């Protein structure tokens, strides 16, 4: 299970964006966080800190994502769906 790491995200940290990509943070400007995907190097990847489910990742999470991206993505989507309140 992927767990949000303690502490504020800052440039140089690794976070998970709303597409579940591990991202190296390059910029934070107010509510917007931007970075470079550690999966496919796509950039800039941008999310809202207040409206996206951005979490700070551990290196172990990045290694798991890089080792088997399809499995990591499926697992994270399932975890995210379980966390959402049902109506």
Protein backbone atom coordinates (compact mmCIF):
# COMPACT_ATOMS: atom_id res chain seq x y z
CA UNK A 1 0.00 0.00 0.00
CA UNK A 2 1.32 3.45 -0.90
CA UNK A 3 1.35 5.83 2.05
CA UNK A 4 1.62 9.63 1.94
CA UNK A 5 5.04 10.47 3.39
CA UNK A 6 5.22 13.07 6.16
CA UNK A 7 6.15 16.65 5.43
CA UNK A 8 5.46 19.34 2.91
CA UNK A 9 6.39 18.67 -0.74
CA UNK A 10 9.22 20.90 -1.95
CA UNK A 11 11.23 21.12 -5.19
CA UNK A 12 13.49 18.07 -5.32
CA UNK A 13 10.95 15.82 -3.59
CA UNK A 14 9.06 13.03 -5.33
CA UNK A 15 5.27 13.07 -5.37
CA UNK A 16 2.47 11.15 -7.05
CA UNK A 17 0.31 13.24 -9.36
CA UNK A 18 -3.39 12.72 -10.10
CA UNK A 19 -2.47 10.27 -12.89
CA UNK A 20 -0.50 8.18 -10.35
CA UNK A 21 2.87 9.05 -11.95
CA UNK A 22 5.83 9.39 -9.59
CA UNK A 23 7.02 12.94 -10.35
CA UNK A 24 10.16 14.85 -9.42
CA UNK A 25 8.91 18.20 -8.14
CA UNK A 26 10.52 21.14 -9.94
CA UNK A 27 8.23 24.04 -9.01
CA UNK A 28 5.51 24.98 -6.56
CA UNK A 29 3.63 28.20 -7.25
CA UNK A 30 0.76 28.77 -4.85
CA UNK A 31 -1.64 25.86 -5.36
CA UNK A 32 0.11 24.51 -8.47
CA UNK A 33 2.82 21.84 -8.30
CA UNK A 34 4.86 20.93 -11.37
CA UNK A 35 7.46 18.34 -12.18
CA UNK A 36 8.88 15.66 -14.46
CA UNK A 37 7.47 12.12 -14.59
CA UNK A 38 9.88 9.44 -13.41
CA UNK A 39 7.98 6.93 -15.58
CA UNK A 40 8.11 8.51 -19.04
CA UNK A 41 9.89 11.87 -18.52
CA UNK A 42 6.78 13.80 -19.59
CA UNK A 43 6.87 17.42 -18.46
CA UNK A 44 5.62 19.67 -17.26
CA UNK A 45 3.20 17.61 -15.21
CA UNK A 46 1.03 19.96 -13.19
CA UNK A 47 -1.51 19.38 -10.43
CA UNK A 48 -3.41 21.39 -7.85
CA UNK A 49 -2.23 20.81 -4.30
CA UNK A 50 -5.73 21.54 -3.03
CA UNK A 51 -7.84 19.72 -5.61
CA UNK A 52 -5.77 16.74 -6.78
CA UNK A 53 -4.85 13.76 -4.64
CA UNK A 54 -1.14 14.61 -4.65
CA UNK A 55 0.92 12.60 -2.16
CA UNK A 56 4.61 12.62 -1.27
CA UNK A 57 6.25 9.30 -2.24
CA UNK A 58 9.07 7.21 -0.84
CA UNK A 59 11.91 5.92 -3.00
CA UNK A 60 10.51 2.38 -2.50
CA UNK A 61 7.27 3.50 -4.18
CA UNK A 62 9.20 4.87 -7.16
CA UNK A 63 11.18 1.64 -7.49
CA UNK A 64 7.93 -0.38 -7.43
CA UNK A 65 6.39 1.88 -10.09
CA UNK A 66 9.46 1.66 -12.32
CA UNK A 67 9.74 -2.14 -11.93
CA UNK A 68 6.19 -2.84 -13.17
CA UNK A 69 4.30 0.30 -14.19
CA UNK A 70 1.06 -1.47 -15.30
CA UNK A 71 0.80 -3.37 -11.99
CA UNK A 72 1.62 -0.26 -9.93
CA UNK A 73 -0.97 1.80 -11.81
CA UNK A 74 -3.67 -0.87 -11.35
CA UNK A 75 -2.87 -1.18 -7.63
CA UNK A 76 -2.92 2.59 -7.06
CA UNK A 77 -6.22 3.00 -8.92
CA UNK A 78 -7.75 0.24 -6.76
CA UNK A 79 -6.39 1.83 -3.56
CA UNK A 80 -7.71 5.23 -4.60
CA UNK A 81 -11.15 3.81 -5.40
CA UNK A 82 -11.29 2.16 -1.96
CA UNK A 83 -10.47 5.48 -0.26
CA UNK A 84 -13.34 7.34 -1.96
CA UNK A 85 -16.57 7.74 0.00
CA UNK A 86 -19.59 5.98 -1.48
CA UNK A 87 -22.78 7.95 -2.06
